[in-house]
Amino acid sequence: MHLGTVIGNVWATKKEEELRGLKFLIIQPKLPNGSDVDSAYIAVDRIGAGVGDKVMVTKGSSAASIVSDIRLPIDALIIGIIDSIDVERVD
């Protein structure tokens, strides 16, 4: 799983049949301290996240398997909207 912040929306009126009805959001990956890491990417959202929300994202085969009988052509799926993050560092 990865942490990130929703920074935008993607609208695509023409897309693969299996992707109809799915919402696409742009995610900026973040470290637990809130600093950016890596480049932004697109993730599918089925839980109602919006711009500014901190989210948990799964990537790869887990994301593509959101429908049990077919594998969707997606790489990333938002699986949670984060309420808070508490990190304790032990040195």
N, C-alpha and C. Protein backbone atom coordinates (compact mmCIF):
# COMPACT_ATOMS: atom_id res chain seq x y z
N MET A 1 0.84 -1.18 0.00
CA MET A 1 0.00 0.00 0.00
C MET A 1 0.88 1.24 0.00
N HIS A 2 0.33 2.31 -0.51
CA HIS A 2 1.02 3.58 -0.61
C HIS A 2 0.15 4.69 -0.04
N LEU A 3 0.80 5.74 0.45
CA LEU A 3 0.10 6.94 0.92
C LEU A 3 0.18 8.00 -0.16
N GLY A 4 -0.85 8.83 -0.25
CA GLY A 4 -0.82 9.92 -1.21
C GLY A 4 -1.91 10.93 -0.94
N THR A 5 -1.86 12.01 -1.69
CA THR A 5 -2.88 13.05 -1.62
C THR A 5 -3.49 13.22 -3.01
N VAL A 6 -4.81 13.33 -3.06
CA VAL A 6 -5.51 13.55 -4.32
C VAL A 6 -5.26 15.00 -4.74
N ILE A 7 -4.69 15.18 -5.95
CA ILE A 7 -4.38 16.53 -6.42
C ILE A 7 -5.18 16.93 -7.65
N GLY A 8 -6.01 16.02 -8.18
CA GLY A 8 -6.79 16.38 -9.36
C GLY A 8 -7.68 15.26 -9.84
N ASN A 9 -8.46 15.57 -10.86
CA ASN A 9 -9.39 14.62 -11.48
C ASN A 9 -8.99 14.39 -12.93
N VAL A 10 -9.37 13.23 -13.46
CA VAL A 10 -9.19 12.94 -14.88
C VAL A 10 -10.54 12.52 -15.42
N TRP A 11 -10.98 13.18 -16.51
CA TRP A 11 -12.22 12.81 -17.17
C TRP A 11 -11.87 12.20 -18.51
N ALA A 12 -12.43 11.04 -18.79
CA ALA A 12 -12.23 10.38 -20.08
C ALA A 12 -13.58 9.85 -20.55
N THR A 13 -14.14 10.48 -21.57
CA THR A 13 -15.45 10.06 -22.05
C THR A 13 -15.35 8.79 -22.90
N LYS A 14 -14.21 8.57 -23.52
CA LYS A 14 -14.00 7.34 -24.30
C LYS A 14 -12.97 6.51 -23.56
N LYS A 15 -13.35 5.28 -23.20
CA LYS A 15 -12.44 4.38 -22.49
C LYS A 15 -12.89 2.95 -22.66
N GLU A 16 -12.09 2.02 -22.22
CA GLU A 16 -12.43 0.61 -22.29
C GLU A 16 -13.77 0.35 -21.60
N GLU A 17 -14.56 -0.54 -22.15
CA GLU A 17 -15.91 -0.84 -21.64
C GLU A 17 -15.90 -1.14 -20.14
N GLU A 18 -14.92 -1.92 -19.69
CA GLU A 18 -14.86 -2.32 -18.27
C GLU A 18 -14.61 -1.15 -17.33
N LEU A 19 -14.15 -0.03 -17.88
CA LEU A 19 -13.82 1.14 -17.05
C LEU A 19 -14.96 2.15 -16.96
N ARG A 20 -16.04 1.90 -17.67
CA ARG A 20 -17.17 2.83 -17.63
C ARG A 20 -17.73 2.89 -16.21
N GLY A 21 -18.02 4.10 -15.76
CA GLY A 21 -18.57 4.31 -14.43
C GLY A 21 -17.52 4.45 -13.34
N LEU A 22 -16.26 4.28 -13.67
CA LEU A 22 -15.21 4.43 -12.66
C LEU A 22 -14.67 5.86 -12.68
N LYS A 23 -14.29 6.36 -11.51
CA LYS A 23 -13.77 7.71 -11.36
C LYS A 23 -12.25 7.63 -11.29
N PHE A 24 -11.57 8.55 -11.97
CA PHE A 24 -10.12 8.57 -11.99
C PHE A 24 -9.61 9.83 -11.31
N LEU A 25 -8.65 9.66 -10.39
CA LEU A 25 -8.07 10.78 -9.65
C LEU A 25 -6.55 10.78 -9.81
N ILE A 26 -5.96 11.95 -9.72
CA ILE A 26 -4.50 12.08 -9.77
C ILE A 26 -3.98 12.08 -8.34
N ILE A 27 -3.02 11.19 -8.08
CA ILE A 27 -2.48 11.01 -6.73
C ILE A 27 -1.02 11.46 -6.69
N GLN A 28 -0.68 12.29 -5.70
CA GLN A 28 0.72 12.63 -5.44
C GLN A 28 1.19 11.76 -4.29
N PRO A 29 2.11 10.82 -4.54
CA PRO A 29 2.62 9.97 -3.46
C PRO A 29 3.30 10.80 -2.37
N LYS A 30 3.11 10.37 -1.13
CA LYS A 30 3.66 11.09 0.01
C LYS A 30 4.33 10.12 0.98
N LEU A 31 5.30 10.63 1.73
CA LEU A 31 5.86 9.91 2.86
C LEU A 31 4.96 10.17 4.07
N PRO A 32 5.05 9.37 5.13
CA PRO A 32 4.21 9.62 6.30
C PRO A 32 4.36 11.02 6.89
N ASN A 33 5.53 11.66 6.69
CA ASN A 33 5.71 13.03 7.21
C ASN A 33 5.10 14.08 6.30
N GLY A 34 4.51 13.67 5.17
CA GLY A 34 3.83 14.58 4.27
C GLY A 34 4.65 15.08 3.10
N SER A 35 5.93 14.74 3.04
CA SER A 35 6.74 15.21 1.91
C SER A 35 6.49 14.35 0.67
N ASP A 36 6.60 15.01 -0.49
CA ASP A 36 6.36 14.32 -1.76
C ASP A 36 7.45 13.27 -2.01
N VAL A 37 7.03 12.21 -2.69
CA VAL A 37 7.97 11.18 -3.13
C VAL A 37 7.47 10.68 -4.48
N ASP A 38 8.33 10.53 -5.44
CA ASP A 38 7.97 10.04 -6.78
C ASP A 38 7.04 11.01 -7.52
N SER A 39 6.67 10.59 -8.72
CA SER A 39 5.79 11.38 -9.58
C SER A 39 4.33 11.03 -9.34
N ALA A 40 3.45 11.96 -9.67
CA ALA A 40 2.01 11.73 -9.54
C ALA A 40 1.57 10.66 -10.54
N TYR A 41 0.47 9.97 -10.22
CA TYR A 41 -0.08 8.93 -11.09
C TYR A 41 -1.60 8.94 -10.96
N ILE A 42 -2.25 8.19 -11.84
CA ILE A 42 -3.71 8.11 -11.85
C ILE A 42 -4.15 6.85 -11.13
N ALA A 43 -5.18 6.97 -10.29
CA ALA A 43 -5.76 5.83 -9.58
C ALA A 43 -7.27 5.84 -9.74
N VAL A 44 -7.86 4.66 -9.73
CA VAL A 44 -9.31 4.51 -9.77
C VAL A 44 -9.86 4.71 -8.36
N ASP A 45 -10.96 5.43 -8.27
CA ASP A 45 -11.61 5.67 -6.97
C ASP A 45 -13.04 5.15 -7.00
N ARG A 46 -13.37 4.26 -6.07
CA ARG A 46 -14.75 3.78 -5.94
C ARG A 46 -15.34 4.12 -4.58
N ILE A 47 -14.58 4.86 -3.75
CA ILE A 47 -15.05 5.11 -2.39
C ILE A 47 -15.41 6.58 -2.13
N GLY A 48 -15.22 7.45 -3.11
CA GLY A 48 -15.66 8.83 -2.96
C GLY A 48 -14.61 9.81 -2.48
N ALA A 49 -13.34 9.56 -2.77
CA ALA A 49 -12.29 10.51 -2.41
C ALA A 49 -12.40 11.75 -3.29
N GLY A 50 -11.79 12.84 -2.83
CA GLY A 50 -11.82 14.07 -3.60
C GLY A 50 -10.51 14.83 -3.46
N VAL A 51 -10.37 15.89 -4.21
CA VAL A 51 -9.16 16.70 -4.19
C VAL A 51 -8.87 17.15 -2.76
N GLY A 52 -7.62 16.96 -2.34
CA GLY A 52 -7.19 17.33 -1.00
C GLY A 52 -7.21 16.18 -0.01
N ASP A 53 -7.93 15.11 -0.31
CA ASP A 53 -7.98 13.96 0.60
C ASP A 53 -6.66 13.21 0.62
N LYS A 54 -6.27 12.77 1.82
CA LYS A 54 -5.14 11.85 1.96
C LYS A 54 -5.72 10.44 1.80
N VAL A 55 -5.05 9.62 0.99
CA VAL A 55 -5.61 8.30 0.66
C VAL A 55 -4.56 7.20 0.77
N MET A 56 -5.06 5.96 0.90
CA MET A 56 -4.24 4.76 0.79
C MET A 56 -4.53 4.16 -0.57
N VAL A 57 -3.48 3.73 -1.25
CA VAL A 57 -3.61 3.22 -2.60
C VAL A 57 -2.92 1.87 -2.69
N THR A 58 -3.56 0.92 -3.36
CA THR A 58 -2.90 -0.33 -3.68
C THR A 58 -2.60 -0.31 -5.17
N LYS A 59 -1.50 -0.95 -5.53
CA LYS A 59 -1.07 -0.92 -6.93
C LYS A 59 -0.84 -2.35 -7.43
N GLY A 60 -0.82 -2.49 -8.74
CA GLY A 60 -0.50 -3.77 -9.36
C GLY A 60 -1.68 -4.71 -9.44
N SER A 61 -1.42 -6.01 -9.30
CA SER A 61 -2.45 -7.03 -9.51
C SER A 61 -3.61 -6.90 -8.53
N SER A 62 -3.35 -6.44 -7.32
CA SER A 62 -4.45 -6.24 -6.36
C SER A 62 -5.44 -5.20 -6.86
N ALA A 63 -4.94 -4.15 -7.47
CA ALA A 63 -5.81 -3.10 -8.01
C ALA A 63 -6.63 -3.63 -9.18
N ALA A 64 -6.00 -4.42 -10.03
CA ALA A 64 -6.68 -4.92 -11.24
C ALA A 64 -7.75 -5.95 -10.92
N SER A 65 -7.76 -6.46 -9.71
CA SER A 65 -8.69 -7.54 -9.34
C SER A 65 -9.87 -7.06 -8.51
N ILE A 66 -10.31 -5.81 -8.68
CA ILE A 66 -11.42 -5.31 -7.87
C ILE A 66 -12.74 -5.97 -8.23
N VAL A 67 -12.85 -6.50 -9.42
CA VAL A 67 -14.03 -7.27 -9.83
C VAL A 67 -13.58 -8.72 -9.91
N SER A 68 -14.27 -9.60 -9.22
CA SER A 68 -13.78 -10.97 -9.07
C SER A 68 -13.67 -11.77 -10.36
N ASP A 69 -14.52 -11.53 -11.33
CA ASP A 69 -14.52 -12.40 -12.51
C ASP A 69 -13.64 -11.90 -13.66
N ILE A 70 -13.16 -10.64 -13.61
CA ILE A 70 -12.28 -10.14 -14.67
C ILE A 70 -11.18 -9.27 -14.06
N ARG A 71 -10.07 -9.17 -14.78
CA ARG A 71 -8.99 -8.27 -14.37
C ARG A 71 -9.12 -6.98 -15.19
N LEU A 72 -9.28 -5.87 -14.49
CA LEU A 72 -9.43 -4.58 -15.15
C LEU A 72 -8.05 -4.04 -15.56
N PRO A 73 -8.00 -3.25 -16.62
CA PRO A 73 -6.73 -2.66 -17.06
C PRO A 73 -6.38 -1.41 -16.25
N ILE A 74 -6.16 -1.60 -14.93
CA ILE A 74 -5.78 -0.48 -14.07
C ILE A 74 -4.55 -0.87 -13.26
N ASP A 75 -3.78 0.14 -12.84
CA ASP A 75 -2.56 -0.07 -12.07
C ASP A 75 -2.69 0.35 -10.61
N ALA A 76 -3.66 1.21 -10.29
CA ALA A 76 -3.76 1.74 -8.94
C ALA A 76 -5.22 1.93 -8.55
N LEU A 77 -5.52 1.64 -7.28
CA LEU A 77 -6.88 1.71 -6.75
C LEU A 77 -6.84 2.34 -5.36
N ILE A 78 -7.66 3.37 -5.16
CA ILE A 78 -7.78 3.97 -3.82
C ILE A 78 -8.59 3.02 -2.96
N ILE A 79 -8.02 2.65 -1.80
CA ILE A 79 -8.69 1.68 -0.93
C ILE A 79 -9.09 2.27 0.42
N GLY A 80 -8.70 3.53 0.68
CA GLY A 80 -9.09 4.15 1.92
C GLY A 80 -8.82 5.65 1.92
N ILE A 81 -9.66 6.39 2.64
CA ILE A 81 -9.45 7.81 2.87
C ILE A 81 -8.91 7.93 4.29
N ILE A 82 -7.75 8.56 4.43
CA ILE A 82 -7.05 8.61 5.71
C ILE A 82 -7.59 9.74 6.59
N ASP A 83 -7.89 9.40 7.85
CA ASP A 83 -8.31 10.40 8.82
C ASP A 83 -7.12 11.03 9.53
N SER A 84 -6.14 10.20 9.90
CA SER A 84 -4.94 10.73 10.55
C SER A 84 -3.81 9.71 10.42
N ILE A 85 -2.59 10.20 10.59
CA ILE A 85 -1.39 9.36 10.55
C ILE A 85 -0.58 9.69 11.79
N ASP A 86 -0.24 8.68 12.58
CA ASP A 86 0.63 8.83 13.74
C ASP A 86 1.87 7.98 13.51
N VAL A 87 3.03 8.59 13.54
CA VAL A 87 4.28 7.86 13.33
C VAL A 87 5.17 8.06 14.55
N GLU A 88 5.64 6.94 15.10
CA GLU A 88 6.61 6.99 16.19
C GLU A 88 7.91 6.48 15.65
N ARG A 89 8.97 7.24 15.85
CA ARG A 89 10.27 6.84 15.35
C ARG A 89 11.10 6.33 16.52
N VAL A 90 11.64 5.14 16.38
CA VAL A 90 12.54 4.58 17.39
C VAL A 90 13.92 4.57 16.79
N ASP A 91 14.86 5.30 17.39
CA ASP A 91 16.23 5.36 16.86
C ASP A 91 17.15 4.40 17.59
